[in-house]
Amino acid sequence: MSTWLVTGGAGYIGAHVVRALQQAGLTPVVVDDLSSGIASFVADGVPFTRASILDTATLTGLLRDHDCAGVIHVAGFKYAGVSVQRPLHTYAQNVTGTASVLAAMVDAGVHNVVFSSSAAVYGTPATELVTEDSPNAPESPYGESKLIGEWLIKDVVRATEGFRGVSLRYFNVVGSATDAVYDASPHNLFPLVIEALLEGRTPRINGDDYPTPDGTCVRDYVHVGDLAASHVAAALALEEGRPLRPAYNLGSGEGLSVRQIMDAMARVTGIDFTPEISPRRPGDPARIVADGAAAAADIDWRMSYSVDEMVSSAWSARRASGPAVS
């Protein structure tokens, strides 16, 4: 039973990865500075160290002490919009932080890394369906930092015999696979709508005049449980020495509109509402969806939740956490 260090393992995605590792019979170890993670999200019995990924010595010690087979690197500053105002912080966490993780791995002789990248590396694609061959053209410090993280891994693979890495790119992660973990982001659509409903406010749609079937933006929504499972599948593929691409899209291939999400929220919660319509936000493309065919073939990527199940799981987990905060 191999052991994997999960950076950011107290966060929404990282905590799901930890549980997916356990379900696969592997042993997770968590490091998280709790800047956005929540300590109670770490599964019971999992070794947890509160530390920054910039603390290379601590990371090296954890990798050696637990005889880790690899790292699933989820930690990072993930807010694309905020990154425009905080570029230096974004680069410190996502570029210097990733370099620190890789340095610790090389020092400890740990040669497998799964990197939680982002579809933000594509910027606003020229085509509606994004593939791994689509041009990289990030439009925010966040997207740039994730692409540089991928470059760092590629360069360490080239420089270090036996080192292997894979980057997983995705857009909008939603839902919950356990009521013990929910999306607490102040920027993502699902928690924004759920918090509005819990507080008795009306959710808002930014623009309903796009060239899409219902006039609202179409985006790629993937369930966090499916996402976590593919992180583990990628880790196992690395450990077993199977050939992998440098990067994979974890995408739906179809997408859902903001209106479809709102309709599902009303159906699932039983709260009848008509969303307020606000003007378009500058720079919002009409449709961005990623093709997940390559990941489906190589790392067991699949979409196993309907939109109602995505919403239901998110609603259940958020309500289990306690009352809304005004």
Protein backbone atom coordinates (compact mmCIF):
# COMPACT_ATOMS: atom_id res chain seq x y z
CA MET A 1 0.00 0.00 0.00
CA SER A 2 1.83 3.08 -1.25
CA THR A 3 1.70 6.52 0.36
CA TRP A 4 1.03 9.78 -1.49
CA LEU A 5 1.51 13.31 -0.17
CA VAL A 6 -1.42 15.58 -1.03
CA THR A 7 -0.51 19.27 -0.96
CA GLY A 8 -3.60 21.36 -0.27
CA GLY A 9 -5.30 18.29 1.17
CA ALA A 10 -7.51 20.38 3.48
CA GLY A 11 -9.08 22.20 0.53
CA TYR A 12 -12.28 21.38 -1.35
CA ILE A 13 -10.60 19.42 -4.16
CA GLY A 14 -7.65 18.15 -2.12
CA ALA A 15 -9.88 16.72 0.61
CA HIS A 16 -11.80 14.77 -2.03
CA VAL A 17 -8.52 13.48 -3.49
CA VAL A 18 -7.54 12.26 0.00
CA ARG A 19 -10.78 10.27 0.29
CA ALA A 20 -10.37 8.88 -3.22
CA LEU A 21 -6.88 7.67 -2.33
CA GLN A 22 -8.29 5.91 0.73
CA GLN A 23 -11.03 4.29 -1.35
CA ALA A 24 -8.36 3.01 -3.76
CA GLY A 25 -6.46 1.40 -0.88
CA LEU A 26 -3.66 3.95 -0.85
CA THR A 27 -2.38 5.95 2.13
CA PRO A 28 -2.69 9.76 1.97
CA VAL A 29 -0.61 12.29 3.91
CA VAL A 30 -1.69 15.94 3.92
CA VAL A 31 0.18 19.24 4.03
CA ASP A 32 -1.82 22.48 3.93
CA ASP A 33 -1.26 25.98 5.30
CA LEU A 34 -5.03 26.48 5.80
CA SER A 35 -4.97 29.79 3.92
CA SER A 36 -8.10 28.59 2.15
CA GLY A 37 -8.34 24.99 3.37
CA ILE A 38 -10.37 23.89 6.37
CA ALA A 39 -8.78 21.54 8.90
CA SER A 40 -12.01 19.63 9.50
CA PHE A 41 -12.07 18.68 5.81
CA VAL A 42 -9.09 16.34 6.37
CA ALA A 43 -10.38 12.80 6.74
CA ASP A 44 -10.10 11.21 10.19
CA GLY A 45 -6.81 9.43 10.84
CA VAL A 46 -4.92 11.04 7.97
CA PRO A 47 -1.55 12.53 9.00
CA PHE A 48 -1.82 16.30 8.63
CA THR A 49 0.95 18.91 8.82
CA ARG A 50 0.08 22.59 8.77
CA ALA A 51 2.82 24.17 6.66
CA SER A 52 3.36 26.19 3.52
CA ILE A 53 4.52 24.46 0.35
CA LEU A 54 7.20 27.17 0.28
CA ASP A 55 8.78 25.35 3.26
CA THR A 56 10.89 22.97 1.19
CA ALA A 57 12.62 21.40 4.19
CA THR A 58 9.32 20.41 5.80
CA LEU A 59 8.10 18.91 2.53
CA THR A 60 11.32 16.94 2.12
CA GLY A 61 11.00 15.62 5.67
CA LEU A 62 7.39 14.52 5.10
CA LEU A 63 8.28 12.72 1.88
CA ARG A 64 11.13 10.87 3.58
CA ASP A 65 9.37 10.16 6.89
CA HIS A 66 6.34 8.65 5.15
CA ASP A 67 8.32 6.92 2.36
CA CYS A 68 6.04 8.53 -0.22
CA ALA A 69 5.65 7.08 -3.69
CA GLY A 70 4.59 10.42 -5.10
CA VAL A 71 2.87 13.79 -4.68
CA ILE A 72 -0.55 14.94 -5.81
CA HIS A 73 0.04 18.68 -5.92
CA VAL A 74 -3.29 20.47 -5.44
CA ALA A 75 -2.17 23.41 -3.26
CA GLY A 76 -2.23 26.83 -4.86
CA PHE A 77 -3.87 30.22 -5.13
CA LYS A 78 -6.75 29.49 -7.47
CA TYR A 79 -8.71 32.72 -7.96
CA ALA A 80 -8.15 33.87 -11.54
CA GLY A 81 -9.91 37.20 -11.14
CA VAL A 82 -8.17 38.09 -7.90
CA SER A 83 -4.82 37.09 -9.39
CA VAL A 84 -4.96 40.14 -11.64
CA GLN A 85 -4.83 42.35 -8.53
CA ARG A 86 -2.38 40.06 -6.69
CA PRO A 87 0.08 38.81 -9.32
CA LEU A 88 3.10 38.57 -7.02
CA HIS A 89 1.18 36.55 -4.43
CA THR A 90 -0.16 34.29 -7.19
CA TYR A 91 3.31 33.65 -8.60
CA ALA A 92 4.79 33.05 -5.14
CA GLN A 93 2.18 30.42 -4.30
CA ASN A 94 1.82 28.75 -7.69
CA VAL A 95 5.24 29.08 -9.30
CA THR A 96 7.70 29.33 -6.40
CA GLY A 97 5.47 26.91 -4.47
CA THR A 98 5.54 24.33 -7.25
CA ALA A 99 9.31 24.72 -7.60
CA SER A 100 9.56 24.08 -3.83
CA VAL A 101 7.47 20.91 -4.11
CA LEU A 102 9.61 19.65 -6.98
CA ALA A 103 12.85 20.49 -5.14
CA ALA A 104 11.64 18.54 -2.10
CA MET A 105 10.77 15.59 -4.31
CA VAL A 106 14.17 15.54 -5.97
CA ASP A 107 15.90 15.85 -2.57
CA ALA A 108 13.84 12.98 -1.16
CA GLY A 109 14.16 10.79 -4.26
CA VAL A 110 10.39 10.83 -4.93
CA HIS A 111 9.77 10.74 -8.68
CA ASN A 112 6.00 10.80 -9.36
CA VAL A 113 3.88 13.95 -9.41
CA VAL A 114 0.26 14.59 -10.40
CA PHE A 115 -0.21 18.34 -10.87
CA SER A 116 -3.59 20.01 -10.46
CA SER A 117 -3.36 22.45 -13.36
CA SER A 118 -6.19 24.43 -14.96
CA ALA A 119 -7.98 24.97 -18.22
CA ALA A 120 -7.11 28.63 -17.61
CA VAL A 121 -3.88 27.82 -19.48
CA TYR A 122 -5.96 28.08 -22.68
CA GLY A 123 -7.28 31.59 -22.03
CA THR A 124 -10.24 32.26 -24.33
CA PRO A 125 -9.93 29.49 -26.92
CA ALA A 126 -10.53 30.12 -30.61
CA THR A 127 -12.68 26.98 -30.77
CA GLU A 128 -15.67 26.03 -28.64
CA LEU A 129 -14.24 22.58 -27.83
CA VAL A 130 -10.80 22.64 -26.20
CA THR A 131 -8.39 19.75 -26.76
CA GLU A 132 -4.93 19.14 -25.35
CA ASP A 133 -3.56 20.47 -28.65
CA SER A 134 -5.36 23.82 -28.35
CA PRO A 135 -2.91 26.75 -28.04
CA ASN A 136 -1.88 27.87 -24.56
CA ALA A 137 -2.78 31.54 -24.19
CA PRO A 138 -3.50 32.28 -20.50
CA GLU A 139 -5.13 35.64 -19.77
CA SER A 140 -4.49 36.00 -16.03
CA PRO A 141 -1.56 35.61 -13.66
CA TYR A 142 -3.37 32.51 -12.36
CA GLY A 143 -3.47 30.87 -15.78
CA GLU A 144 0.11 31.91 -16.47
CA SER A 145 1.27 30.48 -13.14
CA LYS A 146 -0.37 27.12 -13.85
CA LEU A 147 1.26 26.92 -17.27
CA ILE A 148 4.65 27.73 -15.74
CA GLY A 149 4.01 24.97 -13.21
CA GLU A 150 3.57 22.56 -16.11
CA TRP A 151 6.81 23.83 -17.65
CA LEU A 152 8.65 23.29 -14.37
CA ILE A 153 7.48 19.69 -14.23
CA LYS A 154 8.46 19.11 -17.86
CA ASP A 155 11.94 20.49 -17.19
CA VAL A 156 12.43 18.40 -14.03
CA VAL A 157 11.31 15.29 -15.96
CA ARG A 158 13.94 16.10 -18.59
CA ALA A 159 16.66 16.73 -16.00
CA THR A 160 15.98 13.94 -13.51
CA GLU A 161 16.28 10.28 -14.44
CA GLY A 162 13.15 8.33 -13.59
CA PHE A 163 11.07 11.43 -12.76
CA ARG A 164 7.51 11.35 -14.15
CA GLY A 165 4.72 13.90 -14.04
CA VAL A 166 1.25 14.53 -15.43
CA SER A 167 -0.84 17.71 -15.36
CA LEU A 168 -4.64 17.67 -15.18
CA ARG A 169 -6.52 20.65 -16.65
CA TYR A 170 -10.15 21.44 -15.87
CA PHE A 171 -12.63 24.30 -15.68
CA ASN A 172 -15.45 24.40 -13.10
CA VAL A 173 -15.43 21.85 -10.30
CA VAL A 174 -18.76 21.39 -8.51
CA GLY A 175 -20.70 19.15 -6.13
CA SER A 176 -19.51 17.02 -3.23
CA ALA A 177 -18.84 13.32 -2.83
CA THR A 178 -19.28 13.57 0.95
CA ASP A 179 -21.27 15.86 3.22
CA ALA A 180 -18.04 16.41 5.19
CA VAL A 181 -16.56 18.63 2.43
CA TYR A 182 -18.15 21.48 0.48
CA ASP A 183 -17.03 24.25 -1.88
CA ALA A 184 -16.41 27.31 0.30
CA SER A 185 -15.11 29.54 -2.52
CA PRO A 186 -16.53 33.08 -2.61
CA HIS A 187 -16.05 33.18 -6.39
CA ASN A 188 -17.58 29.99 -7.84
CA LEU A 189 -21.10 29.81 -9.30
CA PHE A 190 -22.47 26.91 -7.23
CA PRO A 191 -21.59 28.35 -3.79
CA LEU A 192 -22.66 31.83 -4.90
CA VAL A 193 -26.12 30.54 -5.84
CA ILE A 194 -26.42 28.30 -2.78
CA GLU A 195 -25.43 31.05 -0.36
CA ALA A 196 -27.95 33.41 -1.99
CA LEU A 197 -30.74 30.86 -1.58
CA LEU A 198 -29.79 30.10 2.03
CA GLU A 199 -29.85 33.81 2.81
CA GLY A 200 -33.13 34.46 1.00
CA ARG A 201 -31.54 36.45 -1.84
CA THR A 202 -32.19 36.01 -5.56
CA PRO A 203 -29.29 34.53 -7.57
CA ARG A 204 -28.01 36.55 -10.53
CA ILE A 205 -27.13 35.71 -14.12
CA ASN A 206 -24.53 37.90 -15.82
CA GLY A 207 -25.91 38.31 -19.33
CA ASP A 208 -28.67 36.39 -21.12
CA ASP A 209 -28.04 37.58 -24.68
CA TYR A 210 -25.15 35.32 -25.69
CA PRO A 211 -25.28 33.27 -28.93
CA THR A 212 -26.15 30.06 -27.06
CA PRO A 213 -29.39 28.01 -27.03
CA ASP A 214 -30.82 29.85 -24.00
CA GLY A 215 -28.76 33.06 -24.18
CA THR A 216 -26.59 32.34 -21.12
CA CYS A 217 -22.94 31.29 -21.03
CA VAL A 218 -22.12 27.61 -21.45
CA ARG A 219 -19.37 26.26 -19.24
CA ASP A 220 -17.73 22.94 -18.40
CA TYR A 221 -18.95 21.70 -14.99
CA VAL A 222 -17.34 18.51 -13.63
CA HIS A 223 -18.14 16.75 -10.37
CA VAL A 224 -15.41 16.82 -7.75
CA GLY A 225 -15.84 13.09 -7.06
CA ASP A 226 -15.09 12.23 -10.69
CA LEU A 227 -12.19 14.67 -10.67
CA ALA A 228 -10.66 13.15 -7.52
CA ALA A 229 -10.95 9.64 -8.95
CA SER A 230 -8.97 10.63 -12.04
CA HIS A 231 -6.23 12.23 -9.91
CA VAL A 232 -5.85 8.85 -8.20
CA ALA A 233 -5.98 6.97 -11.51
CA ALA A 234 -3.19 9.21 -12.81
CA ALA A 235 -1.14 8.57 -9.65
CA LEU A 236 -1.51 4.81 -10.07
CA ALA A 237 -0.58 5.03 -13.75
CA LEU A 238 2.61 6.91 -12.85
CA GLU A 239 3.48 4.44 -10.11
CA GLU A 240 2.92 1.49 -12.43
CA GLY A 241 5.08 3.04 -15.15
CA ARG A 242 2.31 3.27 -17.74
CA PRO A 243 2.86 5.80 -20.54
CA LEU A 244 0.93 9.05 -20.15
CA ARG A 245 0.63 12.36 -21.96
CA PRO A 246 2.21 15.36 -20.20
CA ALA A 247 -1.28 16.89 -19.73
CA TYR A 248 -4.94 15.90 -19.91
CA ASN A 249 -8.20 17.81 -20.04
CA LEU A 250 -10.84 16.63 -17.58
CA GLY A 251 -13.85 17.94 -19.48
CA SER A 252 -17.48 17.11 -20.15
CA GLY A 253 -17.33 17.54 -23.92
CA GLU A 254 -20.75 19.22 -23.83
CA GLY A 255 -21.10 21.77 -21.02
CA LEU A 256 -24.08 23.29 -19.25
CA SER A 257 -25.52 26.79 -19.45
CA VAL A 258 -25.85 29.08 -16.46
CA ARG A 259 -29.63 28.96 -16.98
CA GLN A 260 -29.56 25.15 -16.81
CA ILE A 261 -27.68 25.38 -13.52
CA MET A 262 -30.24 27.85 -12.14
CA ASP A 263 -33.14 25.62 -13.22
CA ALA A 264 -31.51 22.63 -11.53
CA MET A 265 -30.97 24.66 -8.36
CA ALA A 266 -34.70 25.48 -8.23
CA ARG A 267 -35.70 21.85 -8.92
CA VAL A 268 -33.36 20.31 -6.37
CA THR A 269 -33.79 22.82 -3.54
CA GLY A 270 -37.52 23.28 -3.98
CA ILE A 271 -36.98 27.05 -3.86
CA ASP A 272 -38.83 28.62 -6.75
CA PHE A 273 -36.98 31.69 -8.01
CA THR A 274 -36.47 33.72 -11.16
CA PRO A 275 -32.82 34.76 -11.49
CA GLU A 276 -32.04 38.45 -11.75
CA ILE A 277 -30.42 39.36 -15.05
CA SER A 278 -27.37 41.62 -14.90
CA PRO A 279 -25.27 42.95 -17.77
CA ARG A 280 -22.59 40.76 -19.28
CA ARG A 281 -19.25 40.70 -17.52
CA PRO A 282 -16.41 41.97 -19.75
CA GLY A 283 -14.39 39.14 -21.29
CA ASP A 284 -16.86 36.32 -20.66
CA PRO A 285 -16.87 34.07 -23.76
CA ALA A 286 -20.18 32.51 -24.80
CA ARG A 287 -19.05 28.89 -24.61
CA ILE A 288 -15.97 27.07 -23.35
CA VAL A 289 -15.98 23.29 -23.04
CA ALA A 290 -13.10 20.80 -22.86
CA ASP A 291 -12.81 17.45 -24.61
CA GLY A 292 -12.05 14.68 -22.10
CA ALA A 293 -11.57 11.83 -24.59
CA ALA A 294 -7.84 11.37 -24.00
CA ALA A 295 -8.27 11.29 -20.21
CA ALA A 296 -11.14 8.83 -20.58
CA ALA A 297 -8.82 6.48 -22.48
CA ASP A 298 -5.78 6.78 -20.20
CA ILE A 299 -6.80 7.74 -16.64
CA ASP A 300 -10.36 6.50 -16.21
CA TRP A 301 -11.95 9.93 -16.64
CA ARG A 302 -15.75 9.80 -16.71
CA MET A 303 -18.74 12.03 -16.02
CA SER A 304 -20.94 9.95 -13.73
CA TYR A 305 -23.23 12.65 -12.27
CA SER A 306 -26.23 14.40 -13.83
CA VAL A 307 -26.67 18.14 -13.35
CA ASP A 308 -29.35 17.49 -10.69
CA GLU A 309 -26.98 15.13 -8.85
CA MET A 310 -24.22 17.74 -9.00
CA VAL A 311 -26.54 20.33 -7.48
CA SER A 312 -28.06 17.95 -4.94
CA SER A 313 -24.67 16.87 -3.62
CA ALA A 314 -23.47 20.48 -3.33
CA TRP A 315 -26.68 21.56 -1.59
CA SER A 316 -26.56 18.63 0.84
CA ALA A 317 -22.91 19.19 1.80
CA ARG A 318 -23.35 22.94 2.30
CA ARG A 319 -26.46 22.51 4.45
CA ALA A 320 -24.70 19.85 6.54
CA SER A 321 -21.99 22.41 7.40
CA GLY A 322 -24.34 24.69 9.32
CA PRO A 323 -26.33 27.90 8.80
CA ALA A 324 -25.46 30.52 6.22
CA VAL A 325 -23.08 33.23 7.33
CA SER A 326 -24.62 36.70 6.85
